[in-house]
Amino acid sequence: MDIILSILPIVLLIVLMLGFKMAGDKSAVLALICAALVALFGAPALGFAPQDFSTAGVGWAFVEGVLKAVFPILIIILMAIYSYNVLLESGKIEVIKKQFTGISQDKSIQVLLLVWGFGGLLEGMAGFGTAVAIPAAILISLGFKPGFSALVSLIANSVATGFGAVGVPVTTLANEVAANGVATTGEIQVISAHVVLQLSLLMFVIPYIILFLTDRSAKSQPKNIVLALLVGAVSLAVQYASARFLGAETPAIFGSIAAIIVIIAFARVTARKNKVEETETEKYSPKQIFEAWSVYLFILFFIVLASPVSGPISGFLKTTLVSKIALPIYHGTKTFNFGWLSNAGLMLFLGAFLGGLVQGVSVKRLMAILGKTVIGLKKSGVTIISLVSMSAIMTYSGMILVLATALTDATGTLYPLFAPLIGAIGTFVTGSDTSSNILFGKLQAGVAQQIGVDTQWLAAANTAGATGGKIISPQSIAIATASCNQQGQEGAILRSAIPYALFYVVVVGLMVYFLA
């Protein structure tokens, strides 16, 4: 009965979203109410709630959840979408599109550059659907079939999602599993590095799959293998260095930039070797190129400025204007902390706002876009707040501990094989790597303690597996079909993507188990 009640909110969320196809915000609210009822009546009655947990504890757990959801998760999501909307308003996204499509005549190189390179960059800086929507739309404009464009965009939008939207999934995970609820820079760096190691093999495999799907001819496979190896090697090296020494904000960004450089260089070398004539493409002046890329350039500048690489500047930002709230549910000196100057949401806003000014968008219009973005985020805001609050209530009431114990008893030392699958299920249900980490981060850490595995390693396995679930999450499928004008074909696209998602999760499970 302990296990049934503890897992009830999660099962309800899955049934409502998948079985009844209820909207995410409504499903999350009902699951939150269910968790609160179990915490108020079921946990005390069965005796698995901590002795000092009271009715007021449910309320304060909810308050903590709201604070964690807004500061910084929702702020980052808001500003990520805002940065994309600014590009749409200025029309400079078209310049970026044309620059990418004029690099090579080789179809497989075009596809890899768009979905892995540019898509990964979009995921790292903005996330939340942009990395599927934009590459898929560009591919169709180049003459690729809608079904193919949707599939390769979904497959490519996997590895980078662990560090999407300037690392919010991993930073959220680190805070979820930290001893006092607030992860240190060192803890975030360690978990980030673990995620990269667990995904390392897929950094070679996924690019090859994309190249193979684009060009299946036998004569092209040696070229595909060489390019996949080059892209995988540089992605792995750059992402690991960024994760280990800078943190969660930059691996996807820097790794994608490095991959883009390698792909372009490879395209140039092979074009000369095969004596391919360059096609006439629209030429842009340095000023036009800077304007088009200004939003992303400013975002990158501010992110690096706030990262540990800036030294004293980063230290100043992290220690200045920091709000600390001591909630009654906390013990000792623990507080909820939020840095107003050091959070990634501010970096995204500054980059988007200054970039918008450079692109010719007025201050009045920039503020109007921000307001429109806030309004458009209402349902996502309800979903995130409900899920974070549900996670907090389940943790403080003892539900997470019950589930961790049950999983330990069921799988024993084999549990690391299944840890990524749990993360993938979380993303499949919620559509978000961040939400999966909120739902199951503490659960993974709890199991790790039970079976004697490194807590940070197993926590990282959740987000590594969650990146695979992203391939087939209903939200991602919906974005892909909308971008490709394939509404009504969601089932067909989902069926085509499932084998790749299953293969992905199996590979991550094996990596987590054998490298633990």
Protein backbone atom coordinates (compact mmCIF):
# COMPACT_ATOMS: atom_id res chain seq x y z
CA MET A 1 0.00 0.00 0.00
CA ASP A 2 2.93 2.37 0.70
CA ILE A 3 4.21 1.81 -2.84
CA ILE A 4 0.76 2.17 -4.47
CA LEU A 5 0.06 5.47 -2.73
CA SER A 6 3.57 6.82 -3.36
CA ILE A 7 3.48 6.12 -7.09
CA LEU A 8 -0.17 7.18 -7.51
CA PRO A 9 0.53 10.87 -8.45
CA ILE A 10 3.01 9.82 -11.17
CA VAL A 11 0.70 7.11 -12.56
CA LEU A 12 -2.19 9.59 -12.57
CA LEU A 13 -0.09 12.08 -14.52
CA ILE A 14 0.81 9.42 -17.13
CA VAL A 15 -2.78 8.13 -17.46
CA LEU A 16 -4.28 11.61 -17.81
CA MET A 17 -1.77 12.75 -20.43
CA LEU A 18 -1.48 9.57 -22.49
CA GLY A 19 -4.70 7.68 -21.77
CA PHE A 20 -7.15 10.58 -21.65
CA LYS A 21 -4.98 12.95 -23.75
CA MET A 22 -5.61 15.69 -21.21
CA ALA A 23 -3.60 18.91 -21.55
CA GLY A 24 -0.30 19.00 -19.66
CA ASP A 25 -1.28 21.88 -17.39
CA LYS A 26 -4.54 20.25 -16.28
CA SER A 27 -2.91 16.85 -15.83
CA ALA A 28 -0.11 18.37 -13.73
CA VAL A 29 -2.56 20.26 -11.48
CA LEU A 30 -4.59 17.09 -10.81
CA ALA A 31 -1.41 15.10 -10.12
CA LEU A 32 -0.29 17.83 -7.69
CA ILE A 33 -3.63 17.65 -5.85
CA CYS A 34 -3.30 13.87 -5.70
CA ALA A 35 0.20 14.14 -4.20
CA ALA A 36 -1.04 16.65 -1.61
CA LEU A 37 -3.92 14.37 -0.59
CA VAL A 38 -1.59 11.37 -0.22
CA ALA A 39 0.83 13.48 1.83
CA LEU A 40 -1.97 14.81 4.07
CA PHE A 41 -3.82 11.56 4.70
CA GLY A 42 -2.06 8.49 3.27
CA ALA A 43 1.53 9.07 4.40
CA PRO A 44 0.70 9.80 8.08
CA ALA A 45 -1.85 6.96 8.25
CA LEU A 46 0.57 4.36 6.90
CA GLY A 47 3.50 5.78 8.82
CA PHE A 48 6.02 6.37 6.03
CA ALA A 49 6.03 10.16 6.45
CA PRO A 50 8.90 11.61 8.56
CA GLN A 51 7.98 12.16 12.20
CA ASP A 52 8.38 15.94 11.97
CA PHE A 53 6.23 16.20 8.82
CA SER A 54 2.93 17.98 9.50
CA THR A 55 -0.06 19.33 7.59
CA ALA A 56 1.66 22.69 7.37
CA GLY A 57 4.61 20.89 5.78
CA VAL A 58 2.52 20.20 2.68
CA GLY A 59 1.84 23.90 2.31
CA TRP A 60 5.45 24.91 2.78
CA ALA A 61 6.61 22.17 0.37
CA PHE A 62 4.23 23.71 -2.18
CA VAL A 63 5.72 27.16 -1.52
CA GLU A 64 9.23 25.80 -2.07
CA GLY A 65 8.06 24.21 -5.30
CA VAL A 66 6.65 27.51 -6.57
CA LEU A 67 9.88 29.32 -5.74
CA LYS A 68 12.02 26.69 -7.45
CA ALA A 69 9.76 26.69 -10.51
CA VAL A 70 9.78 30.46 -11.00
CA PHE A 71 13.38 31.14 -9.91
CA PRO A 72 15.03 30.29 -12.24
CA ILE A 73 13.27 27.62 -14.38
CA LEU A 74 10.34 29.64 -15.71
CA ILE A 75 12.46 32.77 -16.06
CA ILE A 76 14.93 30.88 -18.25
CA ILE A 77 12.16 29.30 -20.34
CA LEU A 78 10.51 32.70 -20.80
CA MET A 79 13.69 34.40 -21.92
CA ALA A 80 14.70 31.50 -24.19
CA ILE A 81 11.41 31.76 -26.09
CA TYR A 82 11.68 35.56 -26.03
CA SER A 83 15.08 35.43 -27.76
CA TYR A 84 13.60 33.33 -30.57
CA ASN A 85 10.58 35.62 -30.91
CA VAL A 86 12.89 38.63 -31.29
CA LEU A 87 14.61 36.90 -34.23
CA LEU A 88 11.24 36.22 -35.82
CA GLU A 89 10.17 39.83 -35.36
CA SER A 90 13.32 41.27 -36.93
CA GLY A 91 13.26 38.73 -39.79
CA LYS A 92 16.98 38.01 -39.32
CA ILE A 93 16.25 34.32 -38.89
CA GLU A 94 15.94 34.21 -42.70
CA VAL A 95 19.54 35.39 -43.09
CA ILE A 96 20.70 32.64 -40.74
CA LYS A 97 18.73 30.07 -42.76
CA LYS A 98 20.26 31.14 -46.09
CA GLN A 99 23.79 31.11 -44.69
CA PHE A 100 23.46 27.50 -43.61
CA THR A 101 21.87 26.28 -46.82
CA GLY A 102 24.60 27.81 -49.02
CA ILE A 103 27.52 25.92 -47.46
CA SER A 104 27.42 22.61 -49.37
CA GLN A 105 25.62 20.83 -52.22
CA ASP A 106 25.98 17.49 -50.43
CA LYS A 107 22.53 16.67 -49.03
CA SER A 108 23.84 14.63 -46.10
CA ILE A 109 26.18 17.43 -45.05
CA GLN A 110 23.34 19.95 -45.30
CA VAL A 111 21.12 17.79 -43.09
CA LEU A 112 23.79 17.12 -40.46
CA LEU A 113 24.78 20.78 -40.36
CA LEU A 114 21.18 21.89 -39.85
CA VAL A 115 19.84 19.32 -37.39
CA TRP A 116 22.98 18.44 -35.38
CA GLY A 117 25.04 21.65 -35.65
CA PHE A 118 22.51 24.47 -35.87
CA GLY A 119 19.82 22.47 -34.08
CA GLY A 120 22.19 21.76 -31.21
CA LEU A 121 23.10 25.44 -31.00
CA LEU A 122 19.42 26.40 -30.87
CA GLU A 123 18.83 23.78 -28.18
CA GLY A 124 21.77 25.04 -26.14
CA MET A 125 20.68 28.67 -26.30
CA ALA A 126 16.89 28.51 -26.46
CA GLY A 127 15.55 24.95 -26.39
CA PHE A 128 11.84 24.27 -25.89
CA GLY A 129 11.01 23.21 -29.44
CA THR A 130 13.12 25.68 -31.44
CA ALA A 131 15.72 22.99 -32.25
CA VAL A 132 13.04 20.85 -33.91
CA ALA A 133 10.90 23.55 -35.50
CA ILE A 134 13.54 25.64 -37.30
CA PRO A 135 15.77 22.87 -38.79
CA ALA A 136 12.70 20.89 -39.95
CA ALA A 137 11.23 23.95 -41.66
CA ILE A 138 14.53 24.73 -43.40
CA LEU A 139 14.90 21.13 -44.62
CA ILE A 140 11.47 21.23 -46.22
CA SER A 141 12.34 24.53 -47.92
CA LEU A 142 15.37 22.70 -49.39
CA GLY A 143 13.13 20.04 -50.91
CA PHE A 144 13.36 17.24 -48.34
CA LYS A 145 10.21 15.23 -47.61
CA PRO A 146 8.19 16.33 -44.54
CA GLY A 147 8.31 12.91 -42.86
CA PHE A 148 12.08 12.69 -43.26
CA SER A 149 12.58 16.28 -42.07
CA ALA A 150 10.55 15.62 -38.94
CA LEU A 151 12.31 12.33 -38.16
CA VAL A 152 15.92 13.55 -38.47
CA SER A 153 15.09 16.73 -36.52
CA LEU A 154 13.63 14.64 -33.70
CA ILE A 155 16.58 12.20 -33.64
CA ALA A 156 19.10 15.04 -33.64
CA ASN A 157 17.30 16.89 -30.84
CA SER A 158 18.43 14.36 -28.26
CA VAL A 159 22.01 14.58 -26.99
CA ALA A 160 21.98 18.39 -26.74
CA THR A 161 18.74 18.55 -24.71
CA GLY A 162 20.55 17.58 -21.52
CA PHE A 163 22.19 20.99 -21.62
CA GLY A 164 19.36 22.77 -23.40
CA ALA A 165 18.29 26.33 -22.64
CA VAL A 166 21.69 27.21 -21.13
CA GLY A 167 21.86 24.08 -18.99
CA VAL A 168 18.64 24.40 -17.03
CA PRO A 169 17.91 20.60 -16.99
CA VAL A 170 21.25 19.76 -15.36
CA THR A 171 21.30 22.74 -12.97
CA THR A 172 17.76 21.83 -11.90
CA LEU A 173 18.81 18.22 -11.40
CA ALA A 174 21.87 19.24 -9.39
CA ASN A 175 19.71 21.35 -7.07
CA GLU A 176 17.19 18.50 -6.72
CA VAL A 177 19.84 16.05 -5.48
CA ALA A 178 22.06 18.46 -3.54
CA ALA A 179 22.24 17.84 0.20
CA ASN A 180 20.86 21.26 1.11
CA GLY A 181 18.78 21.84 -2.04
CA VAL A 182 21.28 24.26 -3.58
CA ALA A 183 24.07 22.74 -5.67
CA THR A 184 27.54 24.23 -5.61
CA THR A 185 29.40 25.09 -8.82
CA GLY A 186 31.60 22.04 -8.31
CA GLU A 187 28.61 19.70 -7.94
CA ILE A 188 27.04 21.05 -11.14
CA GLN A 189 30.32 20.58 -13.00
CA VAL A 190 30.68 16.96 -11.82
CA ILE A 191 27.11 16.01 -12.81
CA SER A 192 27.55 17.80 -16.15
CA ALA A 193 30.71 15.82 -16.88
CA HIS A 194 28.93 12.57 -15.93
CA VAL A 195 26.13 13.33 -18.40
CA VAL A 196 28.64 13.89 -21.21
CA LEU A 197 30.42 10.59 -20.45
CA GLN A 198 27.15 8.66 -20.40
CA LEU A 199 26.17 10.16 -23.78
CA SER A 200 29.66 9.90 -25.29
CA LEU A 201 29.03 6.87 -27.55
CA LEU A 202 25.84 8.44 -28.90
CA MET A 203 27.78 11.53 -29.98
CA PHE A 204 29.30 9.29 -32.66
CA VAL A 205 26.26 7.11 -33.37
CA ILE A 206 23.55 9.75 -33.77
CA PRO A 207 25.44 11.80 -36.42
CA TYR A 208 26.04 8.58 -38.40
CA ILE A 209 22.34 7.62 -38.19
CA ILE A 210 21.40 11.07 -39.54
CA LEU A 211 23.90 10.77 -42.38
CA PHE A 212 22.76 7.22 -43.18
CA LEU A 213 19.08 8.18 -43.27
CA THR A 214 19.95 10.99 -45.69
CA ASP A 215 22.16 8.92 -48.00
CA ARG A 216 21.96 5.13 -47.76
CA SER A 217 24.10 4.36 -50.80
CA ALA A 218 27.04 2.04 -50.16
CA LYS A 219 29.56 4.38 -51.80
CA SER A 220 28.67 7.16 -49.35
CA GLN A 221 29.17 5.11 -46.18
CA PRO A 222 32.96 5.60 -45.87
CA LYS A 223 32.41 9.38 -46.09
CA ASN A 224 29.53 9.15 -43.59
CA ILE A 225 31.63 7.13 -41.14
CA VAL A 226 34.58 9.54 -41.34
CA LEU A 227 32.35 12.60 -40.87
CA ALA A 228 30.47 10.98 -37.96
CA LEU A 229 33.76 10.11 -36.26
CA LEU A 230 35.10 13.65 -36.68
CA VAL A 231 31.90 15.28 -35.46
CA GLY A 232 31.58 12.84 -32.55
CA ALA A 233 35.19 13.34 -31.45
CA VAL A 234 35.04 17.12 -31.45
CA SER A 235 31.57 17.16 -29.83
CA LEU A 236 32.75 14.85 -27.05
CA ALA A 237 36.01 16.71 -26.39
CA VAL A 238 34.47 20.18 -26.35
CA GLN A 239 31.38 19.19 -24.37
CA TYR A 240 33.38 17.35 -21.73
CA ALA A 241 35.82 20.25 -21.28
CA SER A 242 32.94 22.75 -21.08
CA ALA A 243 31.01 20.58 -18.62
CA ARG A 244 33.94 19.79 -16.34
CA PHE A 245 35.44 23.26 -16.14
CA LEU A 246 32.56 25.66 -16.89
CA GLY A 247 29.38 23.87 -15.85
CA ALA A 248 26.02 23.09 -17.44
CA GLU A 249 25.42 26.33 -19.33
CA THR A 250 27.82 25.91 -22.26
CA PRO A 251 28.44 22.23 -23.32
CA ALA A 252 25.65 22.15 -25.92
CA ILE A 253 26.51 25.64 -27.17
CA PHE A 254 30.27 25.20 -27.50
CA GLY A 255 29.95 21.58 -28.65
CA SER A 256 27.55 22.58 -31.43
CA ILE A 257 29.74 25.49 -32.54
CA ALA A 258 32.73 23.13 -32.73
CA ALA A 259 30.67 20.59 -34.68
CA ILE A 260 29.53 23.29 -37.14
CA ILE A 261 33.15 24.29 -37.76
CA VAL A 262 34.17 20.66 -38.39
CA ILE A 263 31.24 20.01 -40.73
CA ILE A 264 31.92 23.18 -42.76
CA ALA A 265 35.64 22.34 -42.97
CA PHE A 266 34.81 18.79 -44.08
CA ALA A 267 32.42 20.16 -46.72
CA ARG A 268 35.09 22.49 -48.10
CA VAL A 269 37.77 19.78 -48.21
CA THR A 270 35.55 17.18 -49.90
CA ALA A 271 34.23 19.76 -52.37
CA ARG A 272 37.78 20.61 -53.48
CA LYS A 273 38.78 16.94 -53.58
CA ASN A 274 35.79 16.06 -55.75
CA LYS A 275 36.13 19.29 -57.75
CA VAL A 276 32.58 20.37 -57.03
CA GLU A 277 31.74 23.82 -58.33
CA GLU A 278 30.45 26.25 -55.74
CA THR A 279 26.90 27.41 -56.32
CA GLU A 280 25.98 31.06 -56.39
CA THR A 281 24.58 32.03 -53.01
CA GLU A 282 23.41 35.32 -51.66
CA LYS A 283 26.34 37.26 -50.21
CA TYR A 284 26.06 39.18 -46.96
CA SER A 285 28.31 41.91 -45.64
CA PRO A 286 30.02 41.51 -42.24
CA LYS A 287 27.53 44.05 -40.88
CA GLN A 288 24.55 42.00 -42.06
CA ILE A 289 26.04 38.81 -40.66
CA PHE A 290 26.71 40.46 -37.30
CA GLU A 291 23.17 41.82 -37.15
CA ALA A 292 21.65 38.43 -37.95
CA TRP A 293 23.72 36.64 -35.30
CA SER A 294 23.74 39.47 -32.74
CA VAL A 295 21.12 37.88 -30.45
CA TYR A 296 23.10 34.65 -30.13
CA LEU A 297 26.45 36.44 -29.98
CA PHE A 298 25.31 38.65 -27.09
CA ILE A 299 23.75 35.69 -25.27
CA LEU A 300 26.99 33.74 -25.62
CA PHE A 301 29.00 36.72 -24.38
CA PHE A 302 26.90 37.17 -21.25
CA ILE A 303 26.78 33.44 -20.51
CA VAL A 304 30.58 33.21 -20.65
CA LEU A 305 30.83 36.37 -18.55
CA ALA A 306 28.75 34.74 -15.80
CA SER A 307 30.59 31.39 -16.00
CA PRO A 308 33.59 30.42 -13.83
CA VAL A 309 35.95 31.20 -16.72
CA SER A 310 35.50 34.94 -16.04
CA GLY A 311 37.00 34.55 -12.56
CA PRO A 312 36.29 37.52 -10.28
CA ILE A 313 33.42 38.75 -12.46
CA SER A 314 31.58 35.46 -12.03
CA GLY A 315 32.30 35.55 -8.30
CA PHE A 316 30.89 39.07 -8.02
CA LEU A 317 27.72 38.16 -9.92
CA LYS A 318 27.13 35.03 -7.83
CA THR A 319 27.50 36.86 -4.50
CA THR A 320 25.77 40.16 -5.26
CA LEU A 321 21.99 40.68 -5.00
CA VAL A 322 21.30 37.15 -3.82
CA SER A 323 17.88 36.58 -2.20
CA LYS A 324 17.88 34.05 0.65
CA ILE A 325 14.57 32.76 2.05
CA ALA A 326 14.42 30.55 5.13
CA LEU A 327 11.29 28.39 4.84
CA PRO A 328 9.83 26.72 7.98
CA ILE A 329 10.16 23.32 6.30
CA TYR A 330 13.94 23.69 6.22
CA HIS A 331 16.24 22.54 8.99
CA GLY A 332 19.31 24.31 10.34
CA THR A 333 20.73 27.13 8.25
CA LYS A 334 19.36 25.99 4.90
CA THR A 335 17.76 28.70 2.72
CA PHE A 336 16.29 29.04 -0.74
CA ASN A 337 18.72 31.18 -2.73
CA PHE A 338 18.31 33.06 -6.01
CA GLY A 339 20.95 35.27 -7.61
CA TRP A 340 19.40 38.14 -9.53
CA LEU A 341 22.62 38.94 -11.40
CA SER A 342 24.03 35.45 -11.96
CA ASN A 343 21.03 33.55 -13.32
CA ALA A 344 20.94 32.46 -16.97
CA GLY A 345 17.55 34.07 -17.52
CA LEU A 346 19.09 37.52 -17.18
CA MET A 347 21.82 36.59 -19.66
CA LEU A 348 19.21 35.45 -22.18
CA PHE A 349 17.19 38.64 -21.72
CA LEU A 350 20.17 40.95 -22.10
CA GLY A 351 21.35 39.10 -25.21
CA ALA A 352 17.91 39.10 -26.82
CA PHE A 353 17.20 42.74 -25.94
CA LEU A 354 20.54 44.14 -27.11
CA GLY A 355 20.51 41.89 -30.18
CA GLY A 356 17.01 43.09 -30.99
CA LEU A 357 18.15 46.71 -30.82
CA VAL A 358 21.03 45.93 -33.18
CA GLN A 359 18.56 44.26 -35.55
CA GLY A 360 16.41 47.39 -35.65
CA VAL A 361 13.58 46.42 -33.31
CA SER A 362 12.39 49.36 -31.19
CA VAL A 363 12.41 49.28 -27.39
CA LYS A 364 8.62 49.57 -27.37
CA ARG A 365 8.26 46.60 -29.71
CA LEU A 366 10.80 44.54 -27.72
CA MET A 367 8.76 45.06 -24.56
CA ALA A 368 5.57 44.17 -26.42
CA ILE A 369 7.19 40.93 -27.61
CA LEU A 370 8.19 40.17 -24.02
CA GLY A 371 4.62 40.72 -22.83
CA LYS A 372 3.25 38.49 -25.58
CA THR A 373 5.78 35.80 -24.66
CA VAL A 374 4.73 35.94 -20.99
CA ILE A 375 1.08 35.51 -21.94
CA GLY A 376 1.92 32.59 -24.22
CA LEU A 377 3.74 30.86 -21.36
CA LYS A 378 0.71 30.64 -19.05
CA LYS A 379 -0.03 26.95 -19.55
CA SER A 380 3.64 25.96 -19.44
CA GLY A 381 3.98 27.96 -16.24
CA VAL A 382 1.12 26.09 -14.59
CA THR A 383 2.62 22.77 -15.69
CA ILE A 384 6.12 23.50 -14.41
CA ILE A 385 4.93 24.95 -11.09
CA SER A 386 2.64 21.96 -10.52
CA LEU A 387 5.35 19.40 -11.31
CA VAL A 388 8.03 21.07 -9.20
CA SER A 389 5.61 21.43 -6.28
CA MET A 390 4.50 17.81 -6.66
CA SER A 391 8.14 16.71 -6.51
CA ALA A 392 8.71 18.75 -3.34
CA ILE A 393 5.62 17.35 -1.62
CA MET A 394 6.53 13.78 -2.59
CA THR A 395 10.04 14.28 -1.22
CA TYR A 396 9.17 15.82 2.14
CA SER A 397 6.29 13.38 2.79
CA GLY A 398 8.51 10.32 2.25
CA MET A 399 6.97 9.12 -1.03
CA ILE A 400 10.22 9.37 -2.98
CA LEU A 401 12.03 7.32 -0.34
CA VAL A 402 9.35 4.60 -0.53
CA LEU A 403 9.71 4.37 -4.32
CA ALA A 404 13.51 4.33 -4.11
CA THR A 405 13.40 1.44 -1.65
CA ALA A 406 10.96 -0.49 -3.84
CA LEU A 407 13.08 -0.04 -6.96
CA THR A 408 16.17 -1.13 -5.06
CA ASP A 409 14.47 -4.30 -3.88
CA ALA A 410 13.18 -5.08 -7.39
CA THR A 411 16.37 -4.57 -9.40
CA GLY A 412 19.23 -4.66 -6.90
CA THR A 413 22.65 -4.08 -8.42
CA LEU A 414 21.15 -4.10 -11.96
CA TYR A 415 19.28 -0.87 -11.31
CA PRO A 416 21.78 1.36 -13.20
CA LEU A 417 20.71 -0.44 -16.39
CA PHE A 418 17.17 0.85 -15.92
CA ALA A 419 17.93 4.30 -14.51
CA PRO A 420 18.00 6.00 -17.96
CA LEU A 421 14.68 4.37 -18.87
CA ILE A 422 13.05 6.11 -15.93
CA GLY A 423 14.40 9.45 -17.15
CA ALA A 424 13.16 8.69 -20.67
CA ILE A 425 9.67 7.91 -19.37
CA GLY A 426 9.68 11.24 -17.54
CA THR A 427 10.48 13.15 -20.71
CA PHE A 428 8.04 11.13 -22.78
CA VAL A 429 5.25 12.02 -20.35
CA THR A 430 6.11 15.66 -19.67
CA GLY A 431 7.95 16.64 -22.88
CA SER A 432 10.74 18.21 -20.86
CA ASP A 433 14.15 16.98 -19.71
CA THR A 434 13.89 19.50 -16.89
CA SER A 435 10.50 18.17 -15.77
CA SER A 436 11.82 14.59 -15.87
CA ASN A 437 14.68 15.61 -13.60
CA ILE A 438 12.24 17.29 -11.25
CA LEU A 439 10.03 14.21 -11.13
CA PHE A 440 12.72 11.56 -10.80
CA GLY A 441 15.99 13.27 -9.81
CA LYS A 442 15.52 12.67 -6.09
CA LEU A 443 14.27 9.16 -6.79
CA GLN A 444 17.47 8.28 -8.66
CA ALA A 445 19.59 9.76 -5.88
CA GLY A 446 17.63 7.80 -3.30
CA VAL A 447 18.16 4.51 -5.12
CA ALA A 448 21.86 5.29 -5.51
CA GLN A 449 22.21 5.57 -1.76
CA GLN A 450 20.32 2.31 -1.29
CA ILE A 451 22.53 0.26 -3.64
CA GLY A 452 25.84 1.99 -2.92
CA VAL A 453 26.32 3.70 -6.33
CA ASP A 454 27.64 7.25 -6.68
CA THR A 455 24.65 9.56 -6.23
CA GLN A 456 25.74 12.10 -8.82
CA TRP A 457 26.44 9.37 -11.41
CA LEU A 458 22.96 7.87 -11.09
CA ALA A 459 21.32 11.30 -10.99
CA ALA A 460 23.12 12.14 -14.24
CA ALA A 461 21.70 8.91 -15.71
CA ASN A 462 18.23 10.40 -15.38
CA THR A 463 18.96 13.35 -17.61
CA ALA A 464 21.01 11.19 -20.02
CA GLY A 465 18.04 8.87 -20.44
CA ALA A 466 15.65 11.80 -20.60
CA THR A 467 17.39 13.04 -23.74
CA GLY A 468 16.32 9.80 -25.46
CA GLY A 469 12.72 10.19 -24.34
CA LYS A 470 12.73 13.62 -25.98
CA ILE A 471 12.82 11.94 -29.42
CA ILE A 472 9.31 10.53 -28.97
CA SER A 473 7.70 12.91 -26.48
CA PRO A 474 4.21 13.95 -27.69
CA GLN A 475 5.17 17.63 -27.41
CA SER A 476 8.20 17.19 -29.67
CA ILE A 477 6.15 15.15 -32.15
CA ALA A 478 3.51 17.91 -32.20
CA ILE A 479 6.16 20.58 -32.85
CA ALA A 480 7.69 18.51 -35.65
CA THR A 481 4.37 17.86 -37.37
CA ALA A 482 3.34 21.50 -37.08
CA SER A 483 6.66 22.70 -38.51
CA CYS A 484 6.38 20.24 -41.41
CA ASN A 485 2.66 20.90 -41.99
CA GLN A 486 1.93 17.25 -41.23
CA GLN A 487 -0.88 17.64 -38.72
CA GLY A 488 -2.71 14.35 -38.40
CA GLN A 489 0.48 12.35 -39.09
CA GLU A 490 1.66 12.34 -35.49
CA GLY A 491 1.12 8.59 -35.17
CA ALA A 492 3.17 7.78 -38.27
CA ILE A 493 6.06 10.02 -37.20
CA LEU A 494 5.95 8.60 -33.67
CA ARG A 495 6.11 5.02 -35.02
CA SER A 496 9.10 5.90 -37.21
CA ALA A 497 10.95 7.46 -34.26
CA ILE A 498 10.28 4.78 -31.62
CA PRO A 499 13.02 2.31 -32.74
CA TYR A 500 15.67 5.04 -32.55
CA ALA A 501 14.49 6.17 -29.11
CA LEU A 502 14.56 2.59 -27.77
CA PHE A 503 18.04 2.00 -29.20
CA TYR A 504 19.17 5.29 -27.68
CA VAL A 505 17.93 4.42 -24.17
CA VAL A 506 19.47 0.93 -24.31
CA VAL A 507 22.87 2.39 -25.25
CA VAL A 508 22.70 4.91 -22.39
CA GLY A 509 21.67 2.14 -19.96
CA LEU A 510 24.69 0.05 -20.93
CA MET A 511 27.00 3.07 -20.60
CA VAL A 512 25.63 3.91 -17.16
CA TYR A 513 25.93 0.32 -15.96
CA PHE A 514 29.41 -0.51 -17.23
CA LEU A 515 30.99 2.88 -16.46
CA ALA A 516 29.50 3.16 -12.96
